[in-house]
N, C-alpha and C. Protein backbone atom coordinates (compact mmCIF):
# COMPACT_ATOMS: atom_id res chain seq x y z
N MET A 1 -4.91 18.79 -13.55
CA MET A 1 -3.74 17.93 -13.47
C MET A 1 -4.11 16.68 -12.68
N GLY A 2 -3.60 15.55 -13.10
CA GLY A 2 -3.85 14.29 -12.43
C GLY A 2 -3.18 14.22 -11.07
N PRO A 3 -3.45 13.17 -10.32
CA PRO A 3 -2.82 12.99 -9.01
C PRO A 3 -1.29 12.92 -9.13
N LEU A 4 -0.61 13.36 -8.09
CA LEU A 4 0.85 13.27 -8.00
C LEU A 4 1.17 12.37 -6.82
N ILE A 5 1.35 11.08 -7.10
CA ILE A 5 1.48 10.07 -6.05
C ILE A 5 2.95 9.83 -5.71
N GLY A 6 3.22 9.78 -4.42
CA GLY A 6 4.54 9.42 -3.91
C GLY A 6 4.36 8.47 -2.74
N ILE A 7 5.20 7.46 -2.65
CA ILE A 7 5.14 6.50 -1.56
C ILE A 7 6.36 6.72 -0.69
N TYR A 8 6.12 7.13 0.55
CA TYR A 8 7.18 7.52 1.47
C TYR A 8 7.30 6.54 2.62
N ASN A 9 8.46 6.55 3.26
CA ASN A 9 8.69 5.69 4.41
C ASN A 9 7.84 6.16 5.59
N GLU A 10 7.89 5.43 6.67
CA GLU A 10 7.06 5.72 7.84
C GLU A 10 7.32 7.11 8.41
N ALA A 11 8.56 7.58 8.34
CA ALA A 11 8.92 8.89 8.86
C ALA A 11 8.63 10.03 7.88
N ASN A 12 8.13 9.71 6.69
CA ASN A 12 7.86 10.70 5.64
C ASN A 12 9.10 11.46 5.21
N SER A 13 10.26 10.84 5.37
CA SER A 13 11.51 11.54 5.06
C SER A 13 12.13 11.13 3.72
N ALA A 14 11.69 10.01 3.16
CA ALA A 14 12.28 9.55 1.90
C ALA A 14 11.28 8.70 1.15
N LEU A 15 11.43 8.69 -0.17
CA LEU A 15 10.59 7.83 -1.00
C LEU A 15 10.93 6.36 -0.71
N GLN A 16 9.93 5.51 -0.67
CA GLN A 16 10.11 4.08 -0.44
C GLN A 16 10.04 3.39 -1.79
N ALA A 17 11.16 2.91 -2.29
CA ALA A 17 11.18 2.29 -3.62
C ALA A 17 11.25 0.77 -3.56
N THR A 18 11.87 0.23 -2.51
CA THR A 18 12.01 -1.22 -2.40
C THR A 18 11.66 -1.66 -0.99
N TRP A 19 11.50 -2.97 -0.86
CA TRP A 19 11.20 -3.56 0.44
C TRP A 19 11.99 -4.86 0.54
N ASP A 20 13.03 -4.87 1.34
CA ASP A 20 13.82 -6.08 1.57
C ASP A 20 13.19 -6.79 2.76
N VAL A 21 12.43 -7.81 2.48
CA VAL A 21 11.67 -8.52 3.51
C VAL A 21 12.59 -9.35 4.40
N GLY A 22 13.71 -9.77 3.86
CA GLY A 22 14.61 -10.63 4.62
C GLY A 22 14.15 -12.08 4.57
N ILE A 23 14.50 -12.84 5.59
CA ILE A 23 14.11 -14.26 5.64
C ILE A 23 12.72 -14.37 6.24
N VAL A 24 11.87 -15.11 5.55
CA VAL A 24 10.50 -15.33 6.00
C VAL A 24 10.34 -16.80 6.32
N ARG A 25 9.78 -17.08 7.47
CA ARG A 25 9.50 -18.44 7.87
C ARG A 25 8.01 -18.71 7.71
N ALA A 26 7.69 -19.92 7.30
CA ALA A 26 6.29 -20.29 7.05
C ALA A 26 5.42 -20.02 8.28
N GLN A 27 4.30 -19.39 8.04
CA GLN A 27 3.27 -19.07 9.03
C GLN A 27 3.70 -18.08 10.11
N ILE A 28 4.89 -17.49 9.98
CA ILE A 28 5.34 -16.49 10.94
C ILE A 28 5.39 -15.14 10.22
N PRO A 29 4.59 -14.17 10.66
CA PRO A 29 4.58 -12.87 9.98
C PRO A 29 5.96 -12.22 9.97
N SER A 30 6.32 -11.65 8.81
CA SER A 30 7.57 -10.91 8.69
C SER A 30 7.47 -9.60 9.47
N ASP A 31 8.58 -8.89 9.53
CA ASP A 31 8.54 -7.53 10.07
C ASP A 31 7.59 -6.72 9.19
N GLU A 32 6.91 -5.76 9.80
CA GLU A 32 5.98 -4.91 9.06
C GLU A 32 6.72 -3.76 8.38
N LEU A 33 6.21 -3.38 7.24
CA LEU A 33 6.67 -2.18 6.54
C LEU A 33 5.53 -1.19 6.56
N THR A 34 5.76 -0.01 7.12
CA THR A 34 4.76 1.05 7.12
C THR A 34 5.13 2.06 6.06
N ILE A 35 4.17 2.35 5.19
CA ILE A 35 4.39 3.34 4.13
C ILE A 35 3.28 4.39 4.19
N ASN A 36 3.60 5.56 3.67
CA ASN A 36 2.63 6.64 3.55
C ASN A 36 2.47 6.95 2.07
N ILE A 37 1.26 6.73 1.58
CA ILE A 37 0.96 6.98 0.17
C ILE A 37 0.36 8.38 0.09
N TRP A 38 1.12 9.30 -0.50
CA TRP A 38 0.74 10.70 -0.58
C TRP A 38 0.21 11.06 -1.95
N ASN A 39 -0.73 11.97 -1.98
CA ASN A 39 -1.15 12.62 -3.21
C ASN A 39 -0.79 14.10 -3.06
N ASN A 40 0.09 14.57 -3.94
CA ASN A 40 0.45 15.99 -3.99
C ASN A 40 1.21 16.45 -2.75
N ARG A 41 2.09 15.62 -2.23
CA ARG A 41 2.85 15.98 -1.01
C ARG A 41 3.60 17.28 -1.24
N THR A 42 3.42 18.21 -0.35
CA THR A 42 3.99 19.57 -0.38
C THR A 42 3.59 20.35 -1.63
N GLY A 43 2.48 20.00 -2.24
CA GLY A 43 2.02 20.70 -3.44
C GLY A 43 1.54 22.11 -3.15
N ALA A 44 1.93 23.05 -4.01
CA ALA A 44 1.54 24.45 -3.85
C ALA A 44 0.19 24.77 -4.49
N THR A 45 -0.30 23.87 -5.34
CA THR A 45 -1.63 24.03 -5.95
C THR A 45 -2.34 22.67 -5.89
N ASP A 46 -3.65 22.71 -6.01
CA ASP A 46 -4.44 21.47 -5.98
C ASP A 46 -4.23 20.65 -7.24
N VAL A 47 -4.30 19.33 -7.09
CA VAL A 47 -4.33 18.39 -8.22
C VAL A 47 -5.55 17.50 -8.02
N SER A 48 -5.79 16.62 -8.95
CA SER A 48 -6.94 15.71 -8.87
C SER A 48 -6.81 14.74 -7.70
N ASP A 49 -7.95 14.38 -7.13
CA ASP A 49 -7.99 13.35 -6.10
C ASP A 49 -7.76 11.99 -6.76
N LEU A 50 -7.11 11.07 -6.04
CA LEU A 50 -6.99 9.68 -6.49
C LEU A 50 -8.20 8.94 -5.93
N ARG A 51 -9.04 8.46 -6.83
CA ARG A 51 -10.30 7.82 -6.44
C ARG A 51 -10.17 6.29 -6.48
N GLU A 52 -10.83 5.65 -5.52
CA GLU A 52 -10.83 4.20 -5.39
C GLU A 52 -9.42 3.61 -5.50
N PRO A 53 -8.48 4.12 -4.70
CA PRO A 53 -7.12 3.56 -4.74
C PRO A 53 -7.12 2.13 -4.22
N MET A 54 -6.36 1.28 -4.90
CA MET A 54 -6.29 -0.14 -4.55
C MET A 54 -4.83 -0.60 -4.60
N LEU A 55 -4.47 -1.49 -3.69
CA LEU A 55 -3.17 -2.16 -3.74
C LEU A 55 -3.36 -3.57 -4.27
N ALA A 56 -2.42 -3.98 -5.12
CA ALA A 56 -2.43 -5.34 -5.67
C ALA A 56 -1.02 -5.90 -5.58
N VAL A 57 -0.90 -7.21 -5.64
CA VAL A 57 0.40 -7.89 -5.66
C VAL A 57 0.54 -8.59 -7.00
N LEU A 58 1.68 -8.37 -7.63
CA LEU A 58 1.96 -8.96 -8.94
C LEU A 58 3.27 -9.71 -8.89
N ASP A 59 3.49 -10.58 -9.88
CA ASP A 59 4.79 -11.24 -9.96
C ASP A 59 5.83 -10.23 -10.46
N SER A 60 7.07 -10.65 -10.57
CA SER A 60 8.15 -9.72 -10.93
C SER A 60 8.01 -9.17 -12.35
N ASN A 61 7.16 -9.81 -13.17
CA ASN A 61 6.90 -9.31 -14.53
C ASN A 61 5.69 -8.40 -14.58
N GLY A 62 5.07 -8.13 -13.43
CA GLY A 62 3.91 -7.26 -13.40
C GLY A 62 2.61 -7.95 -13.74
N LEU A 63 2.55 -9.28 -13.59
CA LEU A 63 1.36 -10.05 -13.94
C LEU A 63 0.76 -10.71 -12.70
N THR A 64 -0.53 -10.98 -12.74
CA THR A 64 -1.18 -11.72 -11.67
C THR A 64 -1.08 -13.21 -11.98
N SER A 65 0.13 -13.72 -11.97
CA SER A 65 0.41 -15.08 -12.44
C SER A 65 0.23 -16.12 -11.35
N ASP A 66 0.66 -17.31 -11.68
CA ASP A 66 0.59 -18.41 -10.73
C ASP A 66 1.85 -18.54 -9.87
N THR A 67 2.72 -17.53 -9.84
CA THR A 67 3.88 -17.63 -8.96
C THR A 67 3.43 -17.52 -7.52
N ALA A 68 4.22 -18.02 -6.61
CA ALA A 68 3.82 -18.24 -5.23
C ALA A 68 3.29 -17.00 -4.51
N VAL A 69 3.99 -15.88 -4.56
CA VAL A 69 3.61 -14.73 -3.75
C VAL A 69 2.23 -14.20 -4.12
N PRO A 70 1.95 -13.88 -5.40
CA PRO A 70 0.58 -13.42 -5.69
C PRO A 70 -0.47 -14.53 -5.60
N LYS A 71 -0.13 -15.71 -6.10
CA LYS A 71 -1.13 -16.81 -6.14
C LYS A 71 -1.59 -17.22 -4.75
N ASP A 72 -0.64 -17.37 -3.83
CA ASP A 72 -0.96 -17.83 -2.49
C ASP A 72 -1.20 -16.70 -1.49
N LYS A 73 -1.22 -15.47 -1.99
CA LYS A 73 -1.53 -14.28 -1.19
C LYS A 73 -0.63 -14.17 0.05
N TRP A 74 0.67 -14.16 -0.20
CA TRP A 74 1.62 -14.03 0.90
C TRP A 74 1.61 -12.63 1.52
N VAL A 75 1.29 -11.60 0.74
CA VAL A 75 1.31 -10.23 1.24
C VAL A 75 0.00 -9.95 1.97
N GLN A 76 0.13 -9.40 3.19
CA GLN A 76 -1.03 -8.99 3.97
C GLN A 76 -0.94 -7.49 4.21
N VAL A 77 -2.11 -6.83 4.21
CA VAL A 77 -2.17 -5.38 4.30
C VAL A 77 -3.10 -4.97 5.43
N ASN A 78 -2.71 -3.92 6.16
CA ASN A 78 -3.58 -3.28 7.14
C ASN A 78 -3.64 -1.80 6.81
N VAL A 79 -4.86 -1.30 6.65
CA VAL A 79 -5.10 0.13 6.41
C VAL A 79 -6.07 0.58 7.49
N GLU A 80 -5.56 1.26 8.50
CA GLU A 80 -6.39 1.61 9.65
C GLU A 80 -7.61 2.44 9.24
N SER A 81 -7.47 3.32 8.26
CA SER A 81 -8.60 4.14 7.84
C SER A 81 -9.71 3.32 7.19
N VAL A 82 -9.39 2.14 6.69
CA VAL A 82 -10.39 1.24 6.10
C VAL A 82 -10.82 0.18 7.12
N ASP A 83 -9.84 -0.42 7.80
CA ASP A 83 -10.11 -1.53 8.71
C ASP A 83 -10.65 -1.09 10.07
N GLY A 84 -10.39 0.17 10.44
CA GLY A 84 -10.86 0.67 11.73
C GLY A 84 -9.98 0.27 12.90
N ASN A 85 -8.87 -0.43 12.62
CA ASN A 85 -7.96 -0.85 13.68
C ASN A 85 -6.60 -1.18 13.06
N THR A 86 -5.65 -1.54 13.89
CA THR A 86 -4.31 -1.90 13.41
C THR A 86 -4.05 -3.40 13.48
N THR A 87 -5.10 -4.18 13.72
CA THR A 87 -4.91 -5.62 13.90
C THR A 87 -5.55 -6.47 12.81
N THR A 88 -6.31 -5.87 11.92
CA THR A 88 -6.95 -6.61 10.83
C THR A 88 -6.01 -6.64 9.64
N TRP A 89 -5.66 -7.83 9.18
CA TRP A 89 -4.74 -8.00 8.06
C TRP A 89 -5.47 -8.72 6.92
N THR A 90 -5.42 -8.12 5.73
CA THR A 90 -6.07 -8.68 4.56
C THR A 90 -5.03 -9.27 3.62
N PRO A 91 -5.09 -10.58 3.32
CA PRO A 91 -4.18 -11.16 2.32
C PRO A 91 -4.58 -10.68 0.93
N ILE A 92 -3.60 -10.24 0.14
CA ILE A 92 -3.87 -9.82 -1.23
C ILE A 92 -2.94 -10.54 -2.19
N GLY A 93 -3.38 -10.66 -3.42
CA GLY A 93 -2.60 -11.31 -4.46
C GLY A 93 -3.52 -11.84 -5.53
N GLY A 94 -2.97 -12.10 -6.70
CA GLY A 94 -3.80 -12.52 -7.82
C GLY A 94 -4.80 -11.43 -8.15
N THR A 95 -6.07 -11.76 -8.12
CA THR A 95 -7.11 -10.76 -8.40
C THR A 95 -7.67 -10.12 -7.13
N VAL A 96 -7.16 -10.51 -5.96
CA VAL A 96 -7.62 -9.94 -4.68
C VAL A 96 -6.79 -8.70 -4.36
N THR A 97 -7.47 -7.57 -4.20
CA THR A 97 -6.81 -6.29 -3.94
C THR A 97 -7.29 -5.73 -2.60
N LYS A 98 -6.68 -4.62 -2.19
CA LYS A 98 -7.07 -3.95 -0.94
C LYS A 98 -7.40 -2.50 -1.23
N LEU A 99 -8.59 -2.07 -0.85
CA LEU A 99 -9.02 -0.70 -0.99
C LEU A 99 -8.27 0.18 0.00
N LEU A 100 -7.91 1.37 -0.44
CA LEU A 100 -7.23 2.35 0.41
C LEU A 100 -8.13 3.56 0.62
N ARG A 101 -7.79 4.34 1.63
CA ARG A 101 -8.55 5.57 1.92
C ARG A 101 -7.63 6.49 2.72
N ALA A 102 -7.73 7.77 2.48
CA ALA A 102 -6.92 8.73 3.23
C ALA A 102 -7.17 8.58 4.73
N ASN A 103 -6.20 9.01 5.53
CA ASN A 103 -6.22 8.75 6.97
C ASN A 103 -7.42 9.29 7.70
N ASP A 104 -8.00 10.40 7.28
CA ASP A 104 -9.11 10.95 8.06
C ASP A 104 -10.46 10.83 7.36
N LEU A 105 -10.53 10.10 6.26
CA LEU A 105 -11.79 9.97 5.54
C LEU A 105 -12.44 8.64 5.88
N VAL A 106 -13.69 8.68 6.32
CA VAL A 106 -14.35 7.44 6.71
C VAL A 106 -15.40 6.99 5.69
N THR A 107 -15.81 7.87 4.80
CA THR A 107 -16.86 7.49 3.85
C THR A 107 -16.42 7.60 2.39
N GLU A 108 -15.32 8.28 2.12
CA GLU A 108 -14.87 8.46 0.74
C GLU A 108 -13.61 7.64 0.49
N ASP A 109 -13.62 6.84 -0.56
CA ASP A 109 -12.46 6.02 -0.92
C ASP A 109 -11.57 6.81 -1.86
N ILE A 110 -10.92 7.84 -1.30
CA ILE A 110 -10.05 8.70 -2.09
C ILE A 110 -8.85 9.12 -1.27
N ILE A 111 -7.84 9.61 -1.97
CA ILE A 111 -6.72 10.32 -1.35
C ILE A 111 -6.72 11.69 -2.01
N LYS A 112 -7.01 12.71 -1.23
CA LYS A 112 -7.19 14.06 -1.75
C LYS A 112 -5.91 14.61 -2.38
N GLY A 113 -6.09 15.53 -3.32
CA GLY A 113 -4.98 16.17 -4.00
C GLY A 113 -4.85 17.64 -3.67
N THR A 114 -5.43 18.07 -2.55
CA THR A 114 -5.36 19.48 -2.18
C THR A 114 -3.94 19.89 -1.81
N MET A 115 -3.66 21.20 -1.98
CA MET A 115 -2.32 21.68 -1.63
C MET A 115 -2.10 21.47 -0.13
N ASN A 116 -0.82 21.26 0.25
CA ASN A 116 -0.51 20.95 1.64
C ASN A 116 0.97 21.20 1.88
N ASN A 117 1.37 21.13 3.15
CA ASN A 117 2.77 21.35 3.50
C ASN A 117 3.53 20.05 3.77
N GLY A 118 2.92 18.90 3.52
CA GLY A 118 3.59 17.62 3.72
C GLY A 118 3.52 17.07 5.13
N ASP A 119 2.77 17.73 6.02
CA ASP A 119 2.63 17.25 7.39
C ASP A 119 1.39 16.35 7.45
N PRO A 120 1.58 15.04 7.73
CA PRO A 120 0.43 14.13 7.74
C PRO A 120 -0.56 14.40 8.87
N LEU A 121 -0.13 15.08 9.91
CA LEU A 121 -1.05 15.41 11.00
C LEU A 121 -1.95 16.58 10.64
N LEU A 122 -1.44 17.51 9.84
CA LEU A 122 -2.22 18.67 9.42
C LEU A 122 -3.04 18.39 8.16
N PHE A 123 -2.57 17.46 7.33
CA PHE A 123 -3.23 17.17 6.06
C PHE A 123 -3.46 15.66 5.89
N PRO A 124 -4.20 15.04 6.83
CA PRO A 124 -4.41 13.58 6.75
C PRO A 124 -5.26 13.16 5.54
N GLN A 125 -5.98 14.10 4.94
CA GLN A 125 -6.79 13.78 3.77
C GLN A 125 -5.94 13.54 2.52
N ASN A 126 -4.65 13.90 2.58
CA ASN A 126 -3.74 13.74 1.45
C ASN A 126 -2.87 12.49 1.54
N VAL A 127 -2.99 11.73 2.62
CA VAL A 127 -2.08 10.60 2.83
C VAL A 127 -2.84 9.39 3.37
N CYS A 128 -2.42 8.22 2.92
CA CYS A 128 -2.96 6.96 3.41
C CYS A 128 -1.81 6.15 4.01
N THR A 129 -1.85 5.94 5.32
CA THR A 129 -0.83 5.14 5.98
C THR A 129 -1.24 3.67 5.86
N THR A 130 -0.30 2.87 5.38
CA THR A 130 -0.56 1.47 5.07
C THR A 130 0.55 0.61 5.64
N LYS A 131 0.19 -0.53 6.21
CA LYS A 131 1.17 -1.48 6.72
C LYS A 131 1.13 -2.74 5.87
N LEU A 132 2.31 -3.30 5.59
CA LEU A 132 2.43 -4.52 4.81
C LEU A 132 3.28 -5.52 5.59
N ARG A 133 2.99 -6.79 5.40
CA ARG A 133 3.82 -7.85 5.95
C ARG A 133 3.66 -9.08 5.06
N ILE A 134 4.57 -10.03 5.24
CA ILE A 134 4.54 -11.28 4.48
C ILE A 134 4.24 -12.42 5.45
N VAL A 135 3.30 -13.27 5.05
CA VAL A 135 3.04 -14.51 5.78
C VAL A 135 2.99 -15.63 4.74
N ALA A 136 4.04 -16.43 4.71
CA ALA A 136 4.11 -17.55 3.77
C ALA A 136 3.34 -18.74 4.35
N PRO A 137 2.60 -19.45 3.51
CA PRO A 137 1.85 -20.61 4.01
C PRO A 137 2.78 -21.76 4.40
N LEU A 138 2.25 -22.67 5.18
CA LEU A 138 3.03 -23.81 5.67
C LEU A 138 3.62 -24.64 4.53
N ASN A 139 2.90 -24.77 3.44
CA ASN A 139 3.37 -25.61 2.32
C ASN A 139 4.18 -24.83 1.29
N SER A 140 4.65 -23.63 1.63
CA SER A 140 5.40 -22.83 0.65
C SER A 140 6.77 -23.45 0.38
N ILE A 141 7.23 -23.26 -0.84
CA ILE A 141 8.54 -23.78 -1.22
C ILE A 141 9.60 -22.75 -0.89
N PRO A 142 10.78 -23.19 -0.45
CA PRO A 142 11.84 -22.24 -0.12
C PRO A 142 12.44 -21.63 -1.38
N GLY A 143 13.04 -20.47 -1.20
CA GLY A 143 13.72 -19.82 -2.31
C GLY A 143 13.59 -18.32 -2.24
N ASP A 144 14.19 -17.65 -3.21
CA ASP A 144 14.10 -16.20 -3.33
C ASP A 144 12.93 -15.86 -4.24
N PHE A 145 12.10 -14.91 -3.81
CA PHE A 145 10.94 -14.52 -4.59
C PHE A 145 10.93 -13.01 -4.79
N SER A 146 10.69 -12.60 -6.00
CA SER A 146 10.52 -11.19 -6.31
C SER A 146 9.07 -10.95 -6.67
N PHE A 147 8.55 -9.80 -6.27
CA PHE A 147 7.17 -9.46 -6.57
C PHE A 147 7.04 -7.94 -6.57
N LYS A 148 5.91 -7.46 -7.05
CA LYS A 148 5.65 -6.03 -7.10
C LYS A 148 4.34 -5.73 -6.38
N ILE A 149 4.31 -4.56 -5.76
CA ILE A 149 3.09 -4.03 -5.20
C ILE A 149 2.63 -2.93 -6.15
N ARG A 150 1.38 -3.02 -6.61
CA ARG A 150 0.86 -2.03 -7.57
C ARG A 150 -0.25 -1.22 -6.92
N LEU A 151 -0.19 0.09 -7.14
CA LEU A 151 -1.24 1.00 -6.71
C LEU A 151 -2.03 1.44 -7.93
N THR A 152 -3.34 1.28 -7.88
CA THR A 152 -4.19 1.73 -8.98
C THR A 152 -5.27 2.65 -8.45
N GLY A 153 -5.89 3.35 -9.33
CA GLY A 153 -7.00 4.24 -9.00
C GLY A 153 -7.33 5.03 -10.24
N TYR A 154 -8.22 5.98 -10.11
CA TYR A 154 -8.55 6.82 -11.26
C TYR A 154 -8.80 8.24 -10.78
N PHE A 155 -8.87 9.17 -11.71
CA PHE A 155 -9.20 10.55 -11.39
C PHE A 155 -10.10 11.11 -12.46
N THR A 156 -10.83 12.15 -12.11
CA THR A 156 -11.72 12.79 -13.08
C THR A 156 -11.34 14.23 -13.30
């Protein structure tokens, strides 16, 4: 069976489906959104590992277009298991993506699909904690912007 991916809020209590960023001011980082990307959360049997998971930013139509958010890389990502700290932020958008890795894996770019009880402290190999924020450039145009965050990967 393929991976069973769920994106949960920071408390792991609910699925995270949307992100209301609020008002963003140019060059001032927005509030951070912390998400937990799970493979097989509370699964009773093993499923496939998600290999080479990547986050991308797309326009509201799901394309890497020339709209402001993906083109100018407004979305920044921090993945402590990849970055080694909580202060490194990588701008993503267009064709620039961010590699993910489960919380306790330092050499494998995967999120494991082993059975678990949903506790990220006991099963860190099944979850990738990721932080997102928006930083609009100084020359950004005002307005409402919609965009999508896409998770990709493969399994064998």
